[in-house]
């Protein structure tokens, strides 16, 4: 089913911000096709006006830029660069790929290289050949909770410096040979994000 055959969609009627911080909480009032109102709780890093603009753009079928990037880094000797990161909402170390927010007006490749250097000490390979391969469109982290969108990018990387994580970021980079991915997936006991699970399964099936 494409957008031309979808049934009528609810229309945004009102946004109320109920808390403010690093993550903002909103009450969204939508007018349903039958004329009744429906209120839904949502969270976003965006302020009220930016949040409204993005909601209205997507309602009109207009693509919005990604909020963040998830990087699948691969070295020349066929290893995946991954991280163990302490995630405060889970109270646990987690397995993931390097990732981070895209800054305002920041080029995607620049954001990728910056996040890699900060979190792992690796950077994009600079050999005149394309170093990144983004998926065709951003995906959304948790569509029942937040509007955060993430572009997944496969990247060629090399060690360039010491890692420089921000205060409070507890990150341990590690290299995982592609041939060892199936065994790692079976043995791992730490929490893992859905993106990391699916990407690792891809390498299990097709190294």
N, C-alpha and C. Protein backbone atom coordinates (compact mmCIF):
# COMPACT_ATOMS: atom_id res chain seq x y z
N UNK A 1 0.85 -1.20 0.00
CA UNK A 1 0.00 0.00 0.00
C UNK A 1 0.88 1.25 0.00
N UNK A 2 0.75 2.12 -1.01
CA UNK A 2 1.52 3.36 -1.03
C UNK A 2 0.64 4.50 -0.54
N UNK A 3 1.25 5.71 -0.50
CA UNK A 3 0.56 6.86 0.09
C UNK A 3 -0.69 7.26 -0.69
N UNK A 4 -0.77 6.87 -1.96
CA UNK A 4 -1.93 7.26 -2.76
C UNK A 4 -3.16 6.41 -2.46
N UNK A 5 -2.97 5.27 -1.81
CA UNK A 5 -4.10 4.38 -1.53
C UNK A 5 -4.40 4.28 -0.03
N UNK A 6 -3.73 5.08 0.79
CA UNK A 6 -3.98 5.05 2.23
C UNK A 6 -5.32 5.70 2.55
N UNK A 7 -5.98 5.26 3.61
CA UNK A 7 -7.22 5.92 4.02
C UNK A 7 -6.92 7.30 4.59
N UNK A 8 -7.94 8.14 4.79
CA UNK A 8 -7.71 9.47 5.35
C UNK A 8 -6.98 9.39 6.68
N UNK A 9 -6.05 10.30 6.88
CA UNK A 9 -5.24 10.30 8.10
C UNK A 9 -5.76 11.33 9.10
N UNK A 10 -5.53 11.09 10.38
CA UNK A 10 -5.84 12.12 11.38
C UNK A 10 -5.06 13.40 11.09
N UNK A 11 -5.64 14.56 11.45
CA UNK A 11 -5.00 15.85 11.24
C UNK A 11 -4.58 16.44 12.58
N UNK A 12 -3.37 16.99 12.61
CA UNK A 12 -2.87 17.63 13.83
C UNK A 12 -3.70 18.86 14.14
N UNK A 13 -4.25 18.92 15.35
CA UNK A 13 -5.07 20.06 15.76
C UNK A 13 -4.39 20.94 16.79
N UNK A 14 -3.58 20.33 17.67
CA UNK A 14 -3.01 21.11 18.76
C UNK A 14 -1.81 20.38 19.35
N UNK A 15 -0.81 21.14 19.77
CA UNK A 15 0.35 20.60 20.49
C UNK A 15 0.46 21.31 21.83
N UNK A 16 0.57 20.55 22.89
CA UNK A 16 0.80 21.12 24.22
C UNK A 16 2.07 20.52 24.81
N UNK A 17 3.03 21.39 25.15
CA UNK A 17 4.26 20.91 25.78
C UNK A 17 4.03 20.83 27.28
N UNK A 18 4.24 19.64 27.84
CA UNK A 18 3.95 19.45 29.26
C UNK A 18 5.21 19.34 30.11
N UNK A 19 6.36 19.15 29.49
CA UNK A 19 7.63 19.19 30.22
C UNK A 19 8.74 19.57 29.26
N UNK A 20 9.80 20.14 29.80
CA UNK A 20 10.89 20.66 28.98
C UNK A 20 12.21 20.17 29.53
N UNK A 21 13.11 19.81 28.63
CA UNK A 21 14.43 19.34 29.04
C UNK A 21 15.19 18.82 27.84
N UNK A 22 16.16 17.95 28.11
CA UNK A 22 16.91 17.31 27.02
C UNK A 22 15.94 16.57 26.11
N UNK A 23 14.93 15.96 26.72
CA UNK A 23 13.82 15.37 25.99
C UNK A 23 12.55 16.07 26.44
N UNK A 24 11.75 16.53 25.49
CA UNK A 24 10.51 17.24 25.78
C UNK A 24 9.32 16.30 25.66
N UNK A 25 8.34 16.47 26.55
CA UNK A 25 7.12 15.67 26.47
C UNK A 25 5.99 16.55 25.96
N UNK A 26 5.18 15.97 25.06
CA UNK A 26 4.07 16.70 24.44
C UNK A 26 2.78 15.90 24.53
N UNK A 27 1.67 16.63 24.54
CA UNK A 27 0.36 16.06 24.30
C UNK A 27 -0.08 16.52 22.92
N UNK A 28 -0.30 15.56 22.03
CA UNK A 28 -0.70 15.87 20.66
C UNK A 28 -2.18 15.59 20.50
N UNK A 29 -2.92 16.58 20.06
CA UNK A 29 -4.34 16.38 19.77
C UNK A 29 -4.52 16.26 18.27
N UNK A 30 -5.04 15.12 17.84
CA UNK A 30 -5.32 14.87 16.43
C UNK A 30 -6.82 14.79 16.21
N UNK A 31 -7.28 15.32 15.09
CA UNK A 31 -8.67 15.19 14.68
C UNK A 31 -8.80 13.94 13.81
N UNK A 32 -9.54 12.96 14.31
CA UNK A 32 -9.72 11.70 13.58
C UNK A 32 -10.65 11.89 12.38
N UNK A 33 -10.60 10.98 11.42
CA UNK A 33 -11.47 11.10 10.24
C UNK A 33 -12.96 11.18 10.58
N UNK A 34 -13.36 10.61 11.74
CA UNK A 34 -14.79 10.68 12.10
C UNK A 34 -15.16 11.98 12.80
N UNK A 35 -14.19 12.92 12.93
CA UNK A 35 -14.46 14.22 13.52
C UNK A 35 -14.18 14.33 15.00
N UNK A 36 -13.87 13.24 15.65
CA UNK A 36 -13.56 13.27 17.08
C UNK A 36 -12.08 13.56 17.29
N UNK A 37 -11.73 14.02 18.49
CA UNK A 37 -10.34 14.31 18.84
C UNK A 37 -9.72 13.14 19.59
N UNK A 38 -8.43 12.98 19.37
CA UNK A 38 -7.67 11.92 20.06
C UNK A 38 -6.38 12.53 20.56
N UNK A 39 -6.09 12.36 21.87
CA UNK A 39 -4.89 12.92 22.48
C UNK A 39 -3.86 11.81 22.69
N UNK A 40 -2.62 12.10 22.29
CA UNK A 40 -1.56 11.10 22.35
C UNK A 40 -0.31 11.73 22.98
N UNK A 41 0.34 11.00 23.90
CA UNK A 41 1.58 11.47 24.51
C UNK A 41 2.77 11.12 23.62
N UNK A 42 3.69 12.07 23.47
CA UNK A 42 4.87 11.83 22.65
C UNK A 42 6.07 12.57 23.24
N UNK A 43 7.26 12.14 22.85
CA UNK A 43 8.49 12.77 23.30
C UNK A 43 9.34 13.17 22.10
N UNK A 44 10.09 14.26 22.25
CA UNK A 44 10.95 14.73 21.17
C UNK A 44 12.06 15.59 21.74
N UNK A 45 13.21 15.58 21.08
CA UNK A 45 14.27 16.52 21.45
C UNK A 45 13.99 17.91 20.86
N UNK A 46 13.08 17.99 19.92
CA UNK A 46 12.79 19.26 19.26
C UNK A 46 11.93 20.15 20.15
N UNK A 47 12.10 21.47 19.99
CA UNK A 47 11.21 22.43 20.62
C UNK A 47 9.86 22.41 19.94
N UNK A 48 8.86 23.09 20.53
CA UNK A 48 7.49 23.01 20.02
C UNK A 48 7.33 23.38 18.55
N UNK A 49 7.96 24.48 18.12
CA UNK A 49 7.77 24.92 16.74
C UNK A 49 8.43 23.97 15.75
N UNK A 50 9.65 23.53 16.05
CA UNK A 50 10.33 22.58 15.15
C UNK A 50 9.58 21.26 15.11
N UNK A 51 9.08 20.83 16.26
CA UNK A 51 8.31 19.59 16.32
C UNK A 51 7.06 19.70 15.44
N UNK A 52 6.36 20.83 15.55
CA UNK A 52 5.16 21.05 14.74
C UNK A 52 5.50 21.03 13.25
N UNK A 53 6.57 21.72 12.87
CA UNK A 53 6.94 21.79 11.46
C UNK A 53 7.24 20.40 10.89
N UNK A 54 7.92 19.57 11.68
CA UNK A 54 8.26 18.24 11.21
C UNK A 54 7.00 17.37 11.11
N UNK A 55 6.11 17.48 12.08
CA UNK A 55 4.85 16.73 12.01
C UNK A 55 4.06 17.11 10.77
N UNK A 56 3.96 18.41 10.51
CA UNK A 56 3.19 18.87 9.36
C UNK A 56 3.86 18.49 8.05
N UNK A 57 5.18 18.52 8.00
CA UNK A 57 5.89 18.13 6.77
C UNK A 57 5.63 16.67 6.45
N UNK A 58 5.77 15.79 7.45
CA UNK A 58 5.54 14.37 7.19
C UNK A 58 4.08 14.10 6.83
N UNK A 59 3.16 14.84 7.44
CA UNK A 59 1.74 14.69 7.08
C UNK A 59 1.51 15.02 5.61
N UNK A 60 2.33 15.95 5.08
CA UNK A 60 2.21 16.36 3.68
C UNK A 60 3.07 15.51 2.75
N UNK A 61 3.72 14.48 3.30
CA UNK A 61 4.55 13.61 2.48
C UNK A 61 5.92 14.17 2.16
N UNK A 62 6.36 15.15 2.96
CA UNK A 62 7.66 15.79 2.74
C UNK A 62 8.69 15.16 3.67
N UNK A 63 9.80 14.70 3.11
CA UNK A 63 10.85 14.08 3.91
C UNK A 63 11.51 15.11 4.82
N UNK A 64 11.88 14.68 6.01
CA UNK A 64 12.57 15.55 6.95
C UNK A 64 13.99 15.02 7.17
N UNK A 65 14.95 15.91 7.47
CA UNK A 65 16.33 15.47 7.65
C UNK A 65 16.47 14.59 8.89
N UNK A 66 17.48 13.71 8.92
CA UNK A 66 17.66 12.82 10.07
C UNK A 66 18.10 13.60 11.31
N UNK A 67 17.65 13.13 12.45
CA UNK A 67 18.10 13.71 13.72
C UNK A 67 19.45 13.14 14.14
N UNK A 68 19.71 11.91 13.74
CA UNK A 68 20.89 11.21 14.22
C UNK A 68 21.41 10.27 13.14
N UNK A 69 22.58 9.71 13.41
CA UNK A 69 23.20 8.76 12.49
C UNK A 69 23.68 7.56 13.29
N UNK A 70 23.47 6.38 12.73
CA UNK A 70 24.02 5.13 13.27
C UNK A 70 25.03 4.61 12.26
N UNK A 71 26.26 4.39 12.70
CA UNK A 71 27.36 4.07 11.80
C UNK A 71 27.73 2.60 11.93
N UNK A 72 27.84 1.92 10.80
CA UNK A 72 28.31 0.54 10.77
C UNK A 72 29.72 0.56 10.19
N UNK A 73 30.73 0.73 11.04
CA UNK A 73 32.10 0.92 10.54
C UNK A 73 32.79 -0.43 10.29
N UNK A 74 33.51 -0.48 9.18
CA UNK A 74 34.21 -1.71 8.80
C UNK A 74 35.64 -1.35 8.43
N UNK A 75 36.58 -2.08 8.97
CA UNK A 75 37.99 -1.80 8.72
C UNK A 75 38.47 -2.55 7.47
N UNK A 76 39.66 -2.18 7.01
CA UNK A 76 40.22 -2.80 5.80
C UNK A 76 40.48 -4.29 5.99
N UNK A 77 40.72 -4.72 7.24
CA UNK A 77 40.95 -6.15 7.50
C UNK A 77 39.68 -6.89 7.90
N UNK A 78 38.53 -6.34 7.50
CA UNK A 78 37.23 -7.01 7.61
C UNK A 78 36.78 -7.23 9.06
N UNK A 79 36.88 -6.15 9.84
CA UNK A 79 36.36 -6.17 11.19
C UNK A 79 35.32 -5.06 11.35
N UNK A 80 34.31 -5.33 12.14
CA UNK A 80 33.32 -4.31 12.48
C UNK A 80 33.77 -3.59 13.74
N UNK A 81 33.67 -2.27 13.70
CA UNK A 81 33.99 -1.45 14.88
C UNK A 81 32.69 -1.24 15.65
N UNK A 82 32.64 -1.78 16.88
CA UNK A 82 31.45 -1.67 17.70
C UNK A 82 31.81 -1.03 19.04
N UNK A 83 30.80 -0.77 19.85
CA UNK A 83 31.05 -0.19 21.17
C UNK A 83 30.22 -0.88 22.23
N UNK A 84 30.78 -0.92 23.44
CA UNK A 84 30.02 -1.20 24.65
C UNK A 84 29.82 0.15 25.33
N UNK A 85 28.57 0.54 25.51
CA UNK A 85 28.27 1.85 26.08
C UNK A 85 27.30 1.71 27.25
N UNK A 86 27.58 2.44 28.33
CA UNK A 86 26.64 2.41 29.45
C UNK A 86 25.46 3.32 29.11
N UNK A 87 24.27 2.73 29.08
CA UNK A 87 23.05 3.47 28.74
C UNK A 87 22.24 3.69 30.01
N UNK A 88 22.12 4.94 30.40
CA UNK A 88 21.50 5.27 31.67
C UNK A 88 20.03 4.85 31.78
N UNK A 89 19.20 5.00 30.73
CA UNK A 89 17.80 4.56 30.88
C UNK A 89 17.65 3.06 31.15
N UNK A 90 18.68 2.27 30.77
CA UNK A 90 18.63 0.83 31.02
C UNK A 90 19.43 0.44 32.26
N UNK A 91 20.30 1.33 32.74
CA UNK A 91 21.14 1.02 33.89
C UNK A 91 22.12 -0.10 33.60
N UNK A 92 22.61 -0.17 32.36
CA UNK A 92 23.43 -1.31 31.96
C UNK A 92 24.34 -0.93 30.79
N UNK A 93 25.44 -1.66 30.70
CA UNK A 93 26.23 -1.61 29.48
C UNK A 93 25.45 -2.25 28.35
N UNK A 94 25.57 -1.70 27.15
CA UNK A 94 24.84 -2.18 25.99
C UNK A 94 25.78 -2.32 24.80
N UNK A 95 25.45 -3.22 23.91
CA UNK A 95 26.19 -3.41 22.67
C UNK A 95 25.52 -2.58 21.58
N UNK A 96 26.32 -1.81 20.87
CA UNK A 96 25.75 -1.02 19.79
C UNK A 96 26.83 -0.65 18.78
N UNK A 97 26.38 0.02 17.74
CA UNK A 97 27.31 0.64 16.79
C UNK A 97 27.47 2.11 17.17
N UNK A 98 28.58 2.74 16.80
CA UNK A 98 28.73 4.17 17.08
C UNK A 98 27.58 4.95 16.50
N UNK A 99 27.11 5.96 17.22
CA UNK A 99 25.96 6.73 16.77
C UNK A 99 25.97 8.08 17.47
N UNK A 100 25.21 9.01 16.94
CA UNK A 100 25.10 10.32 17.59
C UNK A 100 24.19 11.24 16.81
N UNK A 101 23.93 12.38 17.42
CA UNK A 101 23.04 13.37 16.82
C UNK A 101 23.76 14.14 15.71
N UNK A 102 23.01 14.50 14.68
CA UNK A 102 23.52 15.37 13.62
C UNK A 102 23.26 16.81 14.04
N UNK A 103 24.30 17.62 14.07
CA UNK A 103 24.14 19.01 14.49
C UNK A 103 23.46 19.83 13.41
N UNK A 104 22.92 20.96 13.81
CA UNK A 104 22.20 21.84 12.87
C UNK A 104 23.11 22.25 11.71
N UNK A 105 22.63 22.07 10.50
CA UNK A 105 23.36 22.43 9.27
C UNK A 105 24.64 21.62 9.08
N UNK A 106 24.77 20.49 9.76
CA UNK A 106 25.97 19.67 9.62
C UNK A 106 25.80 18.67 8.48
N UNK A 107 26.79 18.58 7.63
CA UNK A 107 26.81 17.60 6.55
C UNK A 107 26.86 16.19 7.15
N UNK A 108 26.15 15.24 6.51
CA UNK A 108 26.07 13.88 7.05
C UNK A 108 27.44 13.25 7.19
N UNK A 109 28.29 13.38 6.19
CA UNK A 109 29.62 12.78 6.26
C UNK A 109 30.45 13.40 7.37
N UNK A 110 30.31 14.71 7.57
CA UNK A 110 31.03 15.38 8.65
C UNK A 110 30.55 14.88 10.01
N UNK A 111 29.24 14.68 10.14
CA UNK A 111 28.68 14.18 11.40
C UNK A 111 29.21 12.77 11.70
N UNK A 112 29.28 11.95 10.67
CA UNK A 112 29.77 10.58 10.84
C UNK A 112 31.21 10.58 11.30
N UNK A 113 32.06 11.35 10.61
CA UNK A 113 33.47 11.39 10.96
C UNK A 113 33.67 11.94 12.37
N UNK A 114 32.91 12.98 12.74
CA UNK A 114 33.02 13.57 14.08
C UNK A 114 32.64 12.57 15.16
N UNK A 115 31.50 11.89 14.98
CA UNK A 115 31.05 10.94 15.99
C UNK A 115 32.03 9.78 16.13
N UNK A 116 32.55 9.30 15.00
CA UNK A 116 33.53 8.21 15.06
C UNK A 116 34.76 8.62 15.86
N UNK A 117 35.29 9.80 15.58
CA UNK A 117 36.49 10.26 16.26
C UNK A 117 36.24 10.44 17.75
N UNK A 118 35.08 11.02 18.10
CA UNK A 118 34.79 11.26 19.51
C UNK A 118 34.62 9.96 20.28
N UNK A 119 33.86 9.02 19.73
CA UNK A 119 33.50 7.82 20.47
C UNK A 119 34.54 6.72 20.40
N UNK A 120 35.30 6.65 19.29
CA UNK A 120 36.16 5.48 19.08
C UNK A 120 37.61 5.80 18.73
N UNK A 121 37.89 7.01 18.27
CA UNK A 121 39.23 7.32 17.80
C UNK A 121 39.46 6.91 16.35
N UNK A 122 38.45 6.36 15.71
CA UNK A 122 38.53 6.03 14.30
C UNK A 122 37.93 7.17 13.48
N UNK A 123 38.26 7.20 12.18
CA UNK A 123 37.70 8.18 11.27
C UNK A 123 37.44 7.54 9.93
N UNK A 124 36.77 8.28 9.05
CA UNK A 124 36.51 7.77 7.71
C UNK A 124 37.81 7.66 6.91
N UNK A 125 37.92 6.62 6.11
CA UNK A 125 39.09 6.45 5.25
C UNK A 125 39.11 7.58 4.23
N UNK A 126 40.27 8.21 4.09
CA UNK A 126 40.44 9.31 3.15
C UNK A 126 41.38 8.87 2.02
N UNK A 127 40.82 8.17 1.04
CA UNK A 127 41.65 7.67 -0.06
C UNK A 127 41.11 8.08 -1.42
N UNK A 128 40.19 9.04 -1.43
CA UNK A 128 39.62 9.50 -2.68
C UNK A 128 38.43 8.68 -3.16
N UNK A 129 38.13 7.58 -2.49
CA UNK A 129 36.98 6.74 -2.83
C UNK A 129 35.85 7.00 -1.83
N UNK A 130 34.60 6.74 -2.22
CA UNK A 130 33.49 6.94 -1.27
C UNK A 130 33.70 6.11 0.00
N UNK A 131 33.58 6.76 1.14
CA UNK A 131 33.81 6.09 2.42
C UNK A 131 32.52 5.72 3.12
N UNK A 132 31.38 6.24 2.65
CA UNK A 132 30.11 5.95 3.32
C UNK A 132 29.06 5.48 2.31
N UNK A 133 28.14 4.65 2.81
CA UNK A 133 27.00 4.21 2.01
C UNK A 133 25.75 4.28 2.89
N UNK A 134 25.01 5.38 2.84
CA UNK A 134 23.81 5.50 3.67
C UNK A 134 22.67 4.67 3.10
N UNK A 135 21.80 4.19 3.99
CA UNK A 135 20.56 3.59 3.53
C UNK A 135 19.70 4.68 2.88
N UNK A 136 18.77 4.31 2.01
CA UNK A 136 18.06 5.31 1.20
C UNK A 136 17.29 6.36 1.99
N UNK A 137 16.79 6.03 3.17
CA UNK A 137 16.03 7.01 3.94
C UNK A 137 16.23 6.75 5.43
N UNK A 138 16.05 7.78 6.26
CA UNK A 138 16.17 7.58 7.70
C UNK A 138 15.07 6.65 8.21
N UNK A 139 15.39 5.91 9.26
CA UNK A 139 14.40 5.11 9.96
C UNK A 139 14.07 5.79 11.29
N UNK A 140 13.00 5.35 11.91
CA UNK A 140 12.56 5.98 13.16
C UNK A 140 12.79 5.04 14.33
N UNK A 141 13.29 5.61 15.43
CA UNK A 141 13.75 4.81 16.56
C UNK A 141 12.64 4.06 17.26
N UNK A 142 11.55 4.74 17.57
CA UNK A 142 10.45 4.14 18.31
C UNK A 142 9.19 4.92 17.98
N UNK A 143 8.46 4.49 16.95
CA UNK A 143 7.38 5.30 16.40
C UNK A 143 6.20 5.47 17.33
N UNK A 144 6.10 4.65 18.38
CA UNK A 144 5.03 4.82 19.34
C UNK A 144 5.36 5.79 20.46
N UNK A 145 6.60 6.30 20.46
CA UNK A 145 7.06 7.15 21.56
C UNK A 145 7.62 8.48 21.11
N UNK A 146 8.45 8.46 20.06
CA UNK A 146 9.22 9.65 19.70
C UNK A 146 9.33 9.79 18.18
N UNK A 147 9.65 11.03 17.74
CA UNK A 147 9.83 11.29 16.32
C UNK A 147 11.28 11.18 15.88
N UNK A 148 12.18 10.72 16.75
CA UNK A 148 13.60 10.67 16.41
C UNK A 148 13.84 9.78 15.18
N UNK A 149 14.55 10.35 14.20
CA UNK A 149 14.88 9.60 12.99
C UNK A 149 16.39 9.42 12.90
N UNK A 150 16.79 8.27 12.37
CA UNK A 150 18.20 7.88 12.34
C UNK A 150 18.56 7.35 10.96
N UNK A 151 19.61 7.87 10.38
CA UNK A 151 20.13 7.33 9.13
C UNK A 151 21.21 6.31 9.45
N UNK A 152 21.05 5.09 8.93
CA UNK A 152 22.07 4.05 9.09
C UNK A 152 23.04 4.15 7.92
N UNK A 153 24.33 4.17 8.25
CA UNK A 153 25.36 4.36 7.23
C UNK A 153 26.44 3.30 7.38
N UNK A 154 26.75 2.61 6.31
CA UNK A 154 27.89 1.69 6.28
C UNK A 154 29.13 2.52 5.90
N UNK A 155 30.23 2.33 6.63
CA UNK A 155 31.39 3.21 6.47
C UNK A 155 32.70 2.43 6.49
N UNK A 156 33.65 2.92 5.70
CA UNK A 156 35.03 2.40 5.75
C UNK A 156 35.83 3.28 6.70
N UNK A 157 36.49 2.66 7.68
CA UNK A 157 37.13 3.45 8.73
C UNK A 157 38.56 2.97 8.98
N UNK A 158 39.31 3.86 9.66
CA UNK A 158 40.67 3.55 10.09
C UNK A 158 40.97 4.32 11.37
N UNK A 159 41.91 3.81 12.14
CA UNK A 159 42.29 4.46 13.40
C UNK A 159 43.03 5.76 13.10
N UNK A 160 42.62 6.87 13.76
CA UNK A 160 43.25 8.16 13.47
C UNK A 160 43.68 8.90 14.73
N UNK A 161 43.12 8.59 15.90
CA UNK A 161 43.44 9.34 17.10
C UNK A 161 42.92 8.59 18.32
N UNK A 162 43.13 9.17 19.50
CA UNK A 162 42.52 8.62 20.70
C UNK A 162 41.06 9.07 20.77
N UNK A 163 40.23 8.23 21.33
CA UNK A 163 38.82 8.58 21.49
C UNK A 163 38.68 9.75 22.47
N UNK A 164 37.66 10.59 22.26
CA UNK A 164 37.42 11.75 23.11
C UNK A 164 35.93 11.85 23.45
N UNK A 165 35.41 10.89 24.20
CA UNK A 165 33.98 10.96 24.55
C UNK A 165 33.69 12.12 25.48
N UNK A 166 32.44 12.56 25.48
CA UNK A 166 32.02 13.64 26.37
C UNK A 166 31.93 13.14 27.80
N UNK A 167 31.95 14.09 28.75
CA UNK A 167 31.80 13.73 30.16
C UNK A 167 30.48 12.98 30.36
N UNK A 168 30.56 11.86 31.05
CA UNK A 168 29.36 11.05 31.28
C UNK A 168 29.13 10.00 30.23
N UNK A 169 29.83 10.08 29.09
CA UNK A 169 29.74 9.04 28.07
C UNK A 169 30.75 7.95 28.41
N UNK A 170 30.27 6.79 28.77
CA UNK A 170 31.13 5.66 29.09
C UNK A 170 31.08 4.70 27.92
N UNK A 171 32.15 4.70 27.12
CA UNK A 171 32.16 3.96 25.86
C UNK A 171 33.45 3.16 25.75
N UNK A 172 33.31 1.88 25.42
CA UNK A 172 34.45 1.00 25.20
C UNK A 172 34.38 0.46 23.78
N UNK A 173 35.19 0.99 22.85
CA UNK A 173 35.18 0.46 21.48
C UNK A 173 35.82 -0.93 21.43
N UNK A 174 35.35 -1.74 20.49
CA UNK A 174 35.99 -3.03 20.26
C UNK A 174 35.79 -3.44 18.81
N UNK A 175 36.71 -4.27 18.33
CA UNK A 175 36.65 -4.77 16.96
C UNK A 175 36.10 -6.20 16.96
N UNK A 176 35.19 -6.46 16.03
CA UNK A 176 34.57 -7.77 15.91
C UNK A 176 34.78 -8.27 14.48
N UNK A 177 35.65 -9.28 14.29
CA UNK A 177 35.82 -9.82 12.94
C UNK A 177 34.48 -10.29 12.37
N UNK A 178 34.25 -9.98 11.11
CA UNK A 178 32.99 -10.35 10.48
C UNK A 178 32.74 -11.85 10.57
N UNK A 179 33.79 -12.65 10.45
CA UNK A 179 33.61 -14.10 10.50
C UNK A 179 33.16 -14.57 11.88
N UNK A 180 33.37 -13.75 12.92
CA UNK A 180 33.01 -14.12 14.28
C UNK A 180 31.64 -13.60 14.70
N UNK A 181 30.95 -12.88 13.80
CA UNK A 181 29.66 -12.29 14.18
C UNK A 181 28.65 -13.34 14.65
N UNK A 182 28.45 -14.47 13.93
CA UNK A 182 27.46 -15.44 14.41
C UNK A 182 27.74 -15.94 15.82
N UNK A 183 28.99 -16.24 16.13
CA UNK A 183 29.34 -16.72 17.47
C UNK A 183 29.11 -15.63 18.51
N UNK A 184 29.42 -14.38 18.15
CA UNK A 184 29.22 -13.27 19.08
C UNK A 184 27.74 -13.09 19.40
N UNK A 185 26.90 -13.14 18.37
CA UNK A 185 25.46 -12.97 18.57
C UNK A 185 24.92 -14.05 19.51
N UNK A 186 25.38 -15.28 19.36
CA UNK A 186 24.92 -16.38 20.20
C UNK A 186 25.40 -16.24 21.64
N UNK A 187 26.61 -15.72 21.83
CA UNK A 187 27.20 -15.68 23.17
C UNK A 187 26.87 -14.42 23.95
N UNK A 188 26.51 -13.33 23.28
CA UNK A 188 26.31 -12.05 23.95
C UNK A 188 25.15 -12.11 24.95
N UNK A 189 25.36 -11.51 26.13
CA UNK A 189 24.31 -11.44 27.14
C UNK A 189 23.95 -10.00 27.51
N UNK A 190 24.63 -9.03 26.94
CA UNK A 190 24.33 -7.63 27.24
C UNK A 190 23.14 -7.15 26.40
N UNK A 191 22.38 -6.16 26.91
CA UNK A 191 21.30 -5.59 26.09
C UNK A 191 21.85 -5.05 24.77
N UNK A 192 21.00 -5.07 23.76
CA UNK A 192 21.40 -4.62 22.43
C UNK A 192 20.21 -3.94 21.77
N UNK A 193 20.45 -2.81 21.10
CA UNK A 193 19.40 -2.12 20.39
C UNK A 193 18.93 -2.92 19.19
N UNK A 194 17.70 -2.64 18.76
CA UNK A 194 17.13 -3.37 17.63
C UNK A 194 17.95 -3.19 16.37
N UNK A 195 18.43 -1.96 16.12
CA UNK A 195 19.23 -1.73 14.91
C UNK A 195 20.46 -2.62 14.90
N UNK A 196 21.17 -2.67 16.04
CA UNK A 196 22.38 -3.49 16.12
C UNK A 196 22.05 -4.97 15.90
N UNK A 197 20.94 -5.43 16.50
CA UNK A 197 20.55 -6.83 16.30
C UNK A 197 20.34 -7.14 14.82
N UNK A 198 19.58 -6.29 14.14
CA UNK A 198 19.27 -6.56 12.74
C UNK A 198 20.50 -6.47 11.86
N UNK A 199 21.36 -5.50 12.13
CA UNK A 199 22.57 -5.35 11.32
C UNK A 199 23.50 -6.54 11.52
N UNK A 200 23.65 -6.99 12.75
CA UNK A 200 24.51 -8.15 12.99
C UNK A 200 23.92 -9.40 12.34
N UNK A 201 22.60 -9.53 12.34
CA UNK A 201 21.98 -10.67 11.66
C UNK A 201 22.26 -10.62 10.16
N UNK A 202 22.33 -9.42 9.61
CA UNK A 202 22.67 -9.27 8.19
C UNK A 202 24.04 -9.88 7.92
N UNK A 203 24.99 -9.61 8.82
CA UNK A 203 26.34 -10.16 8.63
C UNK A 203 26.38 -11.65 8.91
N UNK A 204 25.46 -12.14 9.74
CA UNK A 204 25.36 -13.59 9.94
C UNK A 204 24.96 -14.30 8.66
N UNK A 205 24.07 -13.66 7.90
CA UNK A 205 23.55 -14.27 6.69
C UNK A 205 24.44 -14.03 5.48
N UNK A 206 25.07 -12.84 5.46
CA UNK A 206 25.78 -12.47 4.24
C UNK A 206 27.04 -11.67 4.60
N UNK A 207 28.13 -12.32 4.97
CA UNK A 207 29.33 -11.59 5.35
C UNK A 207 29.95 -10.83 4.20
